[in-house]
Amino acid sequence: MTLEIIPAIDLLGGRCVRLAQGDYDRVSVYGDDPAAVAASFVAAGAPRVHCVDLDGARAGRPHNRDAVRAIVAAAKDAPVQLGGGMRSLEAVDEALALGVERAILGTAALRDPELVRRAARRHPGRVAVGIDARGGRVAVEGWLETSDALAIDVARCFEDAGVAAIVYTEIARDGMGSGPDLDATAALAAAISIPVIASGGVGSEEHVRRAAATPGLAGLVIGKALYEGGVALGRALEIARGA
């Protein structure tokens, strides 16, 4: 199975940004036109675009609808997956109605797992779970709170729920360029049958090579490294295909 390379667009106030370790006070702005960014990713060969509504994640309800709609239009045939602030079935319905292919539920996975199950039944193959962790423990509310729940236990709760994927982020690595936590991600992938996508920390081609060689890993989200030149998207796609 070829590792799916997924470029990321994080939205804050309608702009394309990245946070360092999920800290809203440590924001880097990369552009005022997220749709143009999405179009450039697809032109480079991206098979999918990962989008996070940071305002929504912090507020607990979706924001940035216009930006998401524009991203979907710019991505054309490349599917878009969206996370951030979806804590009701109505919010999931609304996100999918915007044209995104996959809705990612994070806080709801811990607070209201039955909501995830209902959403997955209602929209087969179009609901994923985002698990964001600090030291293996799940963080929620836009990463502002860390729970006592272990990431691997939360993931196991959804084995029979019909979710499309688990997007796993180690918050300490996110935006730092030190490499994703592949050991923890591989352990998670080995423990469940749901496809696992790694997110957070990619800073170089070597990190992409290591991810491509990691057993059980279905995808790799890359954000800051694409914007700051640590990794060229075309090169990352080549590495994944050649692994």
C-alpha atoms as a PDB file:
ATOM      1  CA  MET A   1       0.000   0.000   0.000  1.00  0.00           C
ATOM      2  CA  THR A   2       1.388   3.400  -1.009  1.00  0.00           C
ATOM      3  CA  LEU A   3       1.499   5.952   1.778  1.00  0.00           C
ATOM      4  CA  GLU A   4      -0.989   8.731   1.004  1.00  0.00           C
ATOM      5  CA  ILE A   5       0.675  12.151   1.274  1.00  0.00           C
ATOM      6  CA  ILE A   6      -1.882  14.710   2.450  1.00  0.00           C
ATOM      7  CA  PRO A   7      -1.040  18.436   2.495  1.00  0.00           C
ATOM      8  CA  ALA A   8      -2.671  20.462   5.256  1.00  0.00           C
ATOM      9  CA  ILE A   9      -4.475  23.786   5.347  1.00  0.00           C
ATOM     10  CA  ASP A  10      -5.233  25.175   8.812  1.00  0.00           C
ATOM     11  CA  LEU A  11      -7.775  27.991   8.909  1.00  0.00           C
ATOM     12  CA  LEU A  12      -7.857  30.814  11.424  1.00  0.00           C
ATOM     13  CA  GLY A  13      -9.898  33.891  10.657  1.00  0.00           C
ATOM     14  CA  GLY A  14     -10.178  32.794   7.034  1.00  0.00           C
ATOM     15  CA  ARG A  15      -6.413  32.744   6.590  1.00  0.00           C
ATOM     16  CA  CYS A  16      -3.997  29.877   6.019  1.00  0.00           C
ATOM     17  CA  VAL A  17      -1.913  29.454   9.192  1.00  0.00           C
ATOM     18  CA  ARG A  18       0.029  27.000  11.326  1.00  0.00           C
ATOM     19  CA  LEU A  19       0.230  26.806  15.091  1.00  0.00           C
ATOM     20  CA  ALA A  20       3.275  25.627  17.029  1.00  0.00           C
ATOM     21  CA  GLN A  21       2.300  22.708  19.285  1.00  0.00           C
ATOM     22  CA  GLY A  22      -1.348  23.740  19.066  1.00  0.00           C
ATOM     23  CA  ASP A  23      -0.683  27.091  20.753  1.00  0.00           C
ATOM     24  CA  TYR A  24      -3.053  29.791  19.471  1.00  0.00           C
ATOM     25  CA  ASP A  25      -0.585  32.425  20.653  1.00  0.00           C
ATOM     26  CA  ARG A  26       2.134  31.020  18.364  1.00  0.00           C
ATOM     27  CA  VAL A  27       0.628  31.550  14.919  1.00  0.00           C
ATOM     28  CA  SER A  28       2.434  31.694  11.583  1.00  0.00           C
ATOM     29  CA  VAL A  29       0.359  33.133   8.726  1.00  0.00           C
ATOM     30  CA  TYR A  30       1.078  31.751   5.253  1.00  0.00           C
ATOM     31  CA  GLY A  31      -1.592  33.366   3.138  1.00  0.00           C
ATOM     32  CA  ASP A  32      -4.959  35.064   2.839  1.00  0.00           C
ATOM     33  CA  ASP A  33      -6.234  32.798   0.051  1.00  0.00           C
ATOM     34  CA  PRO A  34      -6.565  29.187   1.287  1.00  0.00           C
ATOM     35  CA  ALA A  35      -8.341  28.192  -1.925  1.00  0.00           C
ATOM     36  CA  ALA A  36      -5.306  29.175  -3.978  1.00  0.00           C
ATOM     37  CA  VAL A  37      -3.149  27.087  -1.647  1.00  0.00           C
ATOM     38  CA  ALA A  38      -5.458  24.099  -2.159  1.00  0.00           C
ATOM     39  CA  ALA A  39      -5.301  24.563  -5.925  1.00  0.00           C
ATOM     40  CA  SER A  40      -1.490  24.587  -5.820  1.00  0.00           C
ATOM     41  CA  PHE A  41      -1.436  21.366  -3.793  1.00  0.00           C
ATOM     42  CA  VAL A  42      -3.745  19.602  -6.229  1.00  0.00           C
ATOM     43  CA  ALA A  43      -1.749  20.882  -9.202  1.00  0.00           C
ATOM     44  CA  ALA A  44       1.335  19.300  -7.622  1.00  0.00           C
ATOM     45  CA  GLY A  45      -0.439  15.943  -7.448  1.00  0.00           C
ATOM     46  CA  ALA A  46      -1.967  15.834  -3.962  1.00  0.00           C
ATOM     47  CA  PRO A  47      -4.509  12.997  -3.781  1.00  0.00           C
ATOM     48  CA  ARG A  48      -6.339  14.609  -0.849  1.00  0.00           C
ATOM     49  CA  VAL A  49      -6.342  17.856   1.150  1.00  0.00           C
ATOM     50  CA  HIS A  50      -6.496  17.974   4.945  1.00  0.00           C
ATOM     51  CA  CYS A  51      -8.238  21.033   6.370  1.00  0.00           C
ATOM     52  CA  VAL A  52      -8.644  22.117  10.006  1.00  0.00           C
ATOM     53  CA  ASP A  53     -11.007  24.827  11.190  1.00  0.00           C
ATOM     54  CA  LEU A  54      -8.983  26.148  14.125  1.00  0.00           C
ATOM     55  CA  ASP A  55     -11.615  28.717  15.049  1.00  0.00           C
ATOM     56  CA  GLY A  56     -14.167  25.938  15.119  1.00  0.00           C
ATOM     57  CA  ALA A  57     -11.967  23.678  17.226  1.00  0.00           C
ATOM     58  CA  ARG A  58     -11.537  26.387  19.838  1.00  0.00           C
ATOM     59  CA  ALA A  59     -15.170  27.561  19.834  1.00  0.00           C
ATOM     60  CA  GLY A  60     -16.780  24.126  19.644  1.00  0.00           C
ATOM     61  CA  ARG A  61     -18.776  24.935  16.512  1.00  0.00           C
ATOM     62  CA  PRO A  62     -17.781  25.310  12.859  1.00  0.00           C
ATOM     63  CA  HIS A  63     -16.449  28.592  11.487  1.00  0.00           C
ATOM     64  CA  ASN A  64     -14.697  29.420   8.192  1.00  0.00           C
ATOM     65  CA  ARG A  65     -17.508  27.968   6.080  1.00  0.00           C
ATOM     66  CA  ASP A  66     -16.794  30.261   3.137  1.00  0.00           C
ATOM     67  CA  ALA A  67     -13.111  29.331   3.155  1.00  0.00           C
ATOM     68  CA  VAL A  68     -13.937  25.615   3.311  1.00  0.00           C
ATOM     69  CA  ARG A  69     -16.401  25.922   0.443  1.00  0.00           C
ATOM     70  CA  ALA A  70     -13.769  27.734  -1.633  1.00  0.00           C
ATOM     71  CA  ILE A  71     -11.144  25.093  -0.823  1.00  0.00           C
ATOM     72  CA  VAL A  72     -13.486  22.312  -1.947  1.00  0.00           C
ATOM     73  CA  ALA A  73     -14.136  24.138  -5.216  1.00  0.00           C
ATOM     74  CA  ALA A  74     -10.426  24.755  -5.801  1.00  0.00           C
ATOM     75  CA  ALA A  75      -9.511  21.134  -5.028  1.00  0.00           C
ATOM     76  CA  LYS A  76     -11.873  19.939  -7.793  1.00  0.00           C
ATOM     77  CA  ASP A  77     -11.690  16.138  -7.922  1.00  0.00           C
ATOM     78  CA  ALA A  78      -9.271  15.792  -4.998  1.00  0.00           C
ATOM     79  CA  PRO A  79     -11.254  14.968  -1.842  1.00  0.00           C
ATOM     80  CA  VAL A  80     -11.056  17.292   1.156  1.00  0.00           C
ATOM     81  CA  GLN A  81     -11.198  16.097   4.747  1.00  0.00           C
ATOM     82  CA  LEU A  82     -12.206  18.617   7.419  1.00  0.00           C
ATOM     83  CA  GLY A  83     -11.861  18.708  11.179  1.00  0.00           C
ATOM     84  CA  GLY A  84     -12.505  21.296  13.849  1.00  0.00           C
ATOM     85  CA  GLY A  85     -15.599  22.078  15.915  1.00  0.00           C
ATOM     86  CA  MET A  86     -17.870  19.272  14.750  1.00  0.00           C
ATOM     87  CA  ARG A  87     -19.586  18.249  17.972  1.00  0.00           C
ATOM     88  CA  SER A  88     -23.099  17.560  16.742  1.00  0.00           C
ATOM     89  CA  LEU A  89     -24.696  15.507  13.994  1.00  0.00           C
ATOM     90  CA  GLU A  90     -25.941  18.736  12.441  1.00  0.00           C
ATOM     91  CA  ALA A  91     -22.382  20.075  12.242  1.00  0.00           C
ATOM     92  CA  VAL A  92     -21.270  16.906  10.456  1.00  0.00           C
ATOM     93  CA  ASP A  93     -24.193  17.173   8.047  1.00  0.00           C
ATOM     94  CA  GLU A  94     -23.321  20.803   7.352  1.00  0.00           C
ATOM     95  CA  ALA A  95     -19.648  20.060   6.724  1.00  0.00           C
ATOM     96  CA  LEU A  96     -20.445  17.306   4.263  1.00  0.00           C
ATOM     97  CA  ALA A  97     -23.001  19.546   2.572  1.00  0.00           C
ATOM     98  CA  LEU A  98     -20.172  22.029   1.910  1.00  0.00           C
ATOM     99  CA  GLY A  99     -18.656  19.356  -0.305  1.00  0.00           C
ATOM    100  CA  VAL A 100     -15.977  17.877   1.934  1.00  0.00           C
ATOM    101  CA  GLU A 101     -15.540  14.154   1.440  1.00  0.00           C
ATOM    102  CA  ARG A 102     -14.726  13.297   5.041  1.00  0.00           C
ATOM    103  CA  ALA A 103     -15.613  14.887   8.391  1.00  0.00           C
ATOM    104  CA  ILE A 104     -13.118  14.410  11.237  1.00  0.00           C
ATOM    105  CA  LEU A 105     -14.451  14.347  14.800  1.00  0.00           C
ATOM    106  CA  GLY A 106     -11.952  14.889  17.599  1.00  0.00           C
ATOM    107  CA  THR A 107     -13.356  16.179  20.882  1.00  0.00           C
ATOM    108  CA  ALA A 108     -16.613  14.330  20.207  1.00  0.00           C
ATOM    109  CA  ALA A 109     -14.709  11.042  19.978  1.00  0.00           C
ATOM    110  CA  LEU A 110     -13.875  11.347  23.666  1.00  0.00           C
ATOM    111  CA  ARG A 111     -16.855  13.296  24.984  1.00  0.00           C
ATOM    112  CA  ASP A 112     -19.614  11.663  22.933  1.00  0.00           C
ATOM    113  CA  PRO A 113     -18.495   8.475  21.167  1.00  0.00           C
ATOM    114  CA  GLU A 114     -22.086   7.589  20.339  1.00  0.00           C
ATOM    115  CA  LEU A 115     -22.245  10.738  18.204  1.00  0.00           C
ATOM    116  CA  VAL A 116     -19.341   9.397  16.147  1.00  0.00           C
ATOM    117  CA  ARG A 117     -21.128   6.100  15.737  1.00  0.00           C
ATOM    118  CA  ARG A 118     -24.359   7.768  14.643  1.00  0.00           C
ATOM    119  CA  ALA A 119     -22.510  10.018  12.210  1.00  0.00           C
ATOM    120  CA  ALA A 120     -20.639   7.037  10.726  1.00  0.00           C
ATOM    121  CA  ARG A 121     -23.879   5.109  10.265  1.00  0.00           C
ATOM    122  CA  ARG A 122     -25.543   8.122   8.662  1.00  0.00           C
ATOM    123  CA  HIS A 123     -22.612   8.863   6.355  1.00  0.00           C
ATOM    124  CA  PRO A 124     -20.821   5.552   5.595  1.00  0.00           C
ATOM    125  CA  GLY A 125     -17.163   5.994   4.732  1.00  0.00           C
ATOM    126  CA  ARG A 126     -17.278   9.756   5.296  1.00  0.00           C
ATOM    127  CA  VAL A 127     -16.515  10.088   9.021  1.00  0.00           C
ATOM    128  CA  ALA A 128     -13.047   9.877  10.571  1.00  0.00           C
ATOM    129  CA  VAL A 129     -11.781  10.270  14.124  1.00  0.00           C
ATOM    130  CA  GLY A 130      -9.056  12.726  15.054  1.00  0.00           C
ATOM    131  CA  ILE A 131      -6.986  11.689  18.049  1.00  0.00           C
ATOM    132  CA  ASP A 132      -4.617  14.388  19.270  1.00  0.00           C
ATOM    133  CA  ALA A 133      -2.362  13.400  22.134  1.00  0.00           C
ATOM    134  CA  ARG A 134       0.194  14.727  24.570  1.00  0.00           C
ATOM    135  CA  GLY A 135       2.388  11.914  25.809  1.00  0.00           C
ATOM    136  CA  GLY A 136      -0.167   9.380  24.641  1.00  0.00           C
ATOM    137  CA  ARG A 137      -3.115  11.052  26.402  1.00  0.00           C
ATOM    138  CA  VAL A 138      -5.929  12.571  24.394  1.00  0.00           C
ATOM    139  CA  ALA A 139      -6.289  16.367  24.209  1.00  0.00           C
ATOM    140  CA  VAL A 140      -9.626  17.994  23.389  1.00  0.00           C
ATOM    141  CA  GLU A 141     -11.310  21.389  22.977  1.00  0.00           C
ATOM    142  CA  GLY A 142      -8.888  22.553  20.293  1.00  0.00           C
ATOM    143  CA  TRP A 143      -5.980  20.981  22.219  1.00  0.00           C
ATOM    144  CA  LEU A 144      -6.662  23.298  25.158  1.00  0.00           C
ATOM    145  CA  GLU A 145      -7.429  20.439  27.575  1.00  0.00           C
ATOM    146  CA  THR A 146      -5.615  17.133  28.108  1.00  0.00           C
ATOM    147  CA  SER A 147      -7.648  14.192  29.411  1.00  0.00           C
ATOM    148  CA  ASP A 148      -6.609  11.019  31.218  1.00  0.00           C
ATOM    149  CA  ALA A 149      -7.744   8.840  28.320  1.00  0.00           C
ATOM    150  CA  LEU A 150      -5.091   6.931  26.391  1.00  0.00           C
ATOM    151  CA  ALA A 151      -5.112   7.419  22.627  1.00  0.00           C
ATOM    152  CA  ILE A 152      -4.994   3.702  21.919  1.00  0.00           C
ATOM    153  CA  ASP A 153      -8.028   3.037  24.166  1.00  0.00           C
ATOM    154  CA  VAL A 154     -10.065   5.748  22.468  1.00  0.00           C
ATOM    155  CA  ALA A 155      -9.185   4.352  19.041  1.00  0.00           C
ATOM    156  CA  ARG A 156     -10.231   0.838  20.054  1.00  0.00           C
ATOM    157  CA  CYS A 157     -13.685   2.138  20.970  1.00  0.00           C
ATOM    158  CA  PHE A 158     -14.380   2.726  17.284  1.00  0.00           C
ATOM    159  CA  GLU A 159     -13.255  -0.605  15.851  1.00  0.00           C
ATOM    160  CA  ASP A 160     -16.831  -1.572  15.008  1.00  0.00           C
ATOM    161  CA  ALA A 161     -18.160   1.935  14.318  1.00  0.00           C
ATOM    162  CA  GLY A 162     -17.427   2.079  10.594  1.00  0.00           C
ATOM    163  CA  VAL A 163     -15.140   5.117  10.735  1.00  0.00           C
ATOM    164  CA  ALA A 164     -13.007   5.685   7.648  1.00  0.00           C
ATOM    165  CA  ALA A 165      -9.717   6.502   9.379  1.00  0.00           C
ATOM    166  CA  ILE A 166      -7.961   7.653  12.527  1.00  0.00           C
ATOM    167  CA  VAL A 167      -5.900  10.838  12.174  1.00  0.00           C
ATOM    168  CA  TYR A 168      -3.292  10.685  14.943  1.00  0.00           C
ATOM    169  CA  THR A 169      -1.336  13.751  16.037  1.00  0.00           C
ATOM    170  CA  GLU A 170       1.320  14.007  18.732  1.00  0.00           C
ATOM    171  CA  ILE A 171       0.856  17.630  19.761  1.00  0.00           C
ATOM    172  CA  ALA A 172       4.405  18.088  21.048  1.00  0.00           C
ATOM    173  CA  ARG A 173       5.682  17.393  17.518  1.00  0.00           C
ATOM    174  CA  ASP A 174       3.135  19.485  15.629  1.00  0.00           C
ATOM    175  CA  GLY A 175       4.645  22.455  13.818  1.00  0.00           C
ATOM    176  CA  MET A 176       8.115  21.742  15.198  1.00  0.00           C
ATOM    177  CA  GLY A 177       9.706  19.927  12.241  1.00  0.00           C
ATOM    178  CA  SER A 178      11.327  17.317  14.475  1.00  0.00           C
ATOM    179  CA  GLY A 179       9.542  14.405  12.819  1.00  0.00           C
ATOM    180  CA  PRO A 180       6.236  12.657  13.533  1.00  0.00           C
ATOM    181  CA  ASP A 181       5.981  10.229  16.431  1.00  0.00           C
ATOM    182  CA  LEU A 182       6.148   7.150  14.239  1.00  0.00           C
ATOM    183  CA  ASP A 183       6.680   4.707  17.103  1.00  0.00           C
ATOM    184  CA  ALA A 184       3.420   5.720  18.766  1.00  0.00           C
ATOM    185  CA  THR A 185       1.626   5.879  15.430  1.00  0.00           C
ATOM    186  CA  ALA A 186       2.862   2.420  14.413  1.00  0.00           C
ATOM    187  CA  ALA A 187       1.786   1.005  17.782  1.00  0.00           C
ATOM    188  CA  LEU A 188      -1.666   2.485  17.276  1.00  0.00           C
ATOM    189  CA  ALA A 189      -1.904   1.104  13.730  1.00  0.00           C
ATOM    190  CA  ALA A 190      -0.886  -2.358  14.964  1.00  0.00           C
ATOM    191  CA  ALA A 191      -3.545  -2.304  17.680  1.00  0.00           C
ATOM    192  CA  ILE A 192      -6.546  -1.526  15.467  1.00  0.00           C
ATOM    193  CA  SER A 193      -7.901  -2.430  12.043  1.00  0.00           C
ATOM    194  CA  ILE A 194      -8.908   1.146  11.152  1.00  0.00           C
ATOM    195  CA  PRO A 195      -6.513   2.919   8.738  1.00  0.00           C
ATOM    196  CA  VAL A 196      -4.223   5.311  10.620  1.00  0.00           C
ATOM    197  CA  ILE A 197      -2.985   8.645   9.270  1.00  0.00           C
ATOM    198  CA  ALA A 198      -0.017  10.311  10.987  1.00  0.00           C
ATOM    199  CA  SER A 199      -0.007  14.071  11.498  1.00  0.00           C
ATOM    200  CA  GLY A 200       2.359  16.564  13.072  1.00  0.00           C
ATOM    201  CA  GLY A 201       6.088  17.115  12.954  1.00  0.00           C
ATOM    202  CA  VAL A 202       7.215  16.450   9.381  1.00  0.00           C
ATOM    203  CA  GLY A 203      10.146  18.715   8.586  1.00  0.00           C
ATOM    204  CA  SER A 204      12.278  16.943   5.994  1.00  0.00           C
ATOM    205  CA  GLU A 205      12.333  14.361   3.230  1.00  0.00           C
ATOM    206  CA  GLU A 206      13.904  11.908   5.652  1.00  0.00           C
ATOM    207  CA  HIS A 207      10.800  12.111   7.826  1.00  0.00           C
ATOM    208  CA  VAL A 208       8.709  11.231   4.782  1.00  0.00           C
ATOM    209  CA  ARG A 209      10.979   8.250   4.022  1.00  0.00           C
ATOM    210  CA  ARG A 210      10.659   6.973   7.576  1.00  0.00           C
ATOM    211  CA  ALA A 211       6.888   7.337   7.475  1.00  0.00           C
ATOM    212  CA  ALA A 212       6.718   5.494   4.146  1.00  0.00           C
ATOM    213  CA  ALA A 213       8.694   2.640   5.712  1.00  0.00           C
ATOM    214  CA  THR A 214       6.492   2.455   8.823  1.00  0.00           C
ATOM    215  CA  PRO A 215       4.294  -0.664   8.806  1.00  0.00           C
ATOM    216  CA  GLY A 216       0.559  -0.114   8.843  1.00  0.00           C
ATOM    217  CA  LEU A 217       0.619   3.619   8.173  1.00  0.00           C
ATOM    218  CA  ALA A 218      -2.049   4.659   5.648  1.00  0.00           C
ATOM    219  CA  GLY A 219      -1.308   8.359   5.295  1.00  0.00           C
ATOM    220  CA  LEU A 220       0.874  11.278   6.317  1.00  0.00           C
ATOM    221  CA  VAL A 221      -0.345  14.856   6.807  1.00  0.00           C
ATOM    222  CA  ILE A 222       2.270  17.507   6.025  1.00  0.00           C
ATOM    223  CA  GLY A 223       1.776  21.160   6.866  1.00  0.00           C
ATOM    224  CA  LYS A 224       4.457  23.628   7.920  1.00  0.00           C
ATOM    225  CA  ALA A 225       7.256  21.867   6.023  1.00  0.00           C
ATOM    226  CA  LEU A 226       5.432  22.510   2.750  1.00  0.00           C
ATOM    227  CA  TYR A 227       5.014  26.200   3.489  1.00  0.00           C
ATOM    228  CA  GLU A 228       8.567  26.796   4.673  1.00  0.00           C
ATOM    229  CA  GLY A 229      10.408  24.681   2.116  1.00  0.00           C
ATOM    230  CA  GLY A 230      11.463  21.767   4.295  1.00  0.00           C
ATOM    231  CA  VAL A 231       9.687  19.375   1.941  1.00  0.00           C
ATOM    232  CA  ALA A 232       8.469  19.857  -1.634  1.00  0.00           C
ATOM    233  CA  LEU A 233       5.086  18.209  -2.160  1.00  0.00           C
ATOM    234  CA  GLY A 234       6.111  16.674  -5.481  1.00  0.00           C
ATOM    235  CA  ARG A 235       9.186  15.154  -3.898  1.00  0.00           C
ATOM    236  CA  ALA A 236       7.187  13.775  -0.957  1.00  0.00           C
ATOM    237  CA  LEU A 237       4.802  12.100  -3.401  1.00  0.00           C
ATOM    238  CA  GLU A 238       7.774  10.579  -5.277  1.00  0.00           C
ATOM    239  CA  ILE A 239       9.235   9.206  -2.049  1.00  0.00           C
ATOM    240  CA  ALA A 240       5.908   7.641  -1.071  1.00  0.00           C
ATOM    241  CA  ARG A 241       5.460   6.037  -4.489  1.00  0.00           C
ATOM    242  CA  GLY A 242       8.981   4.630  -4.446  1.00  0.00           C
ATOM    243  CA  ALA A 243       8.873   3.214  -0.941  1.00  0.00           C
END
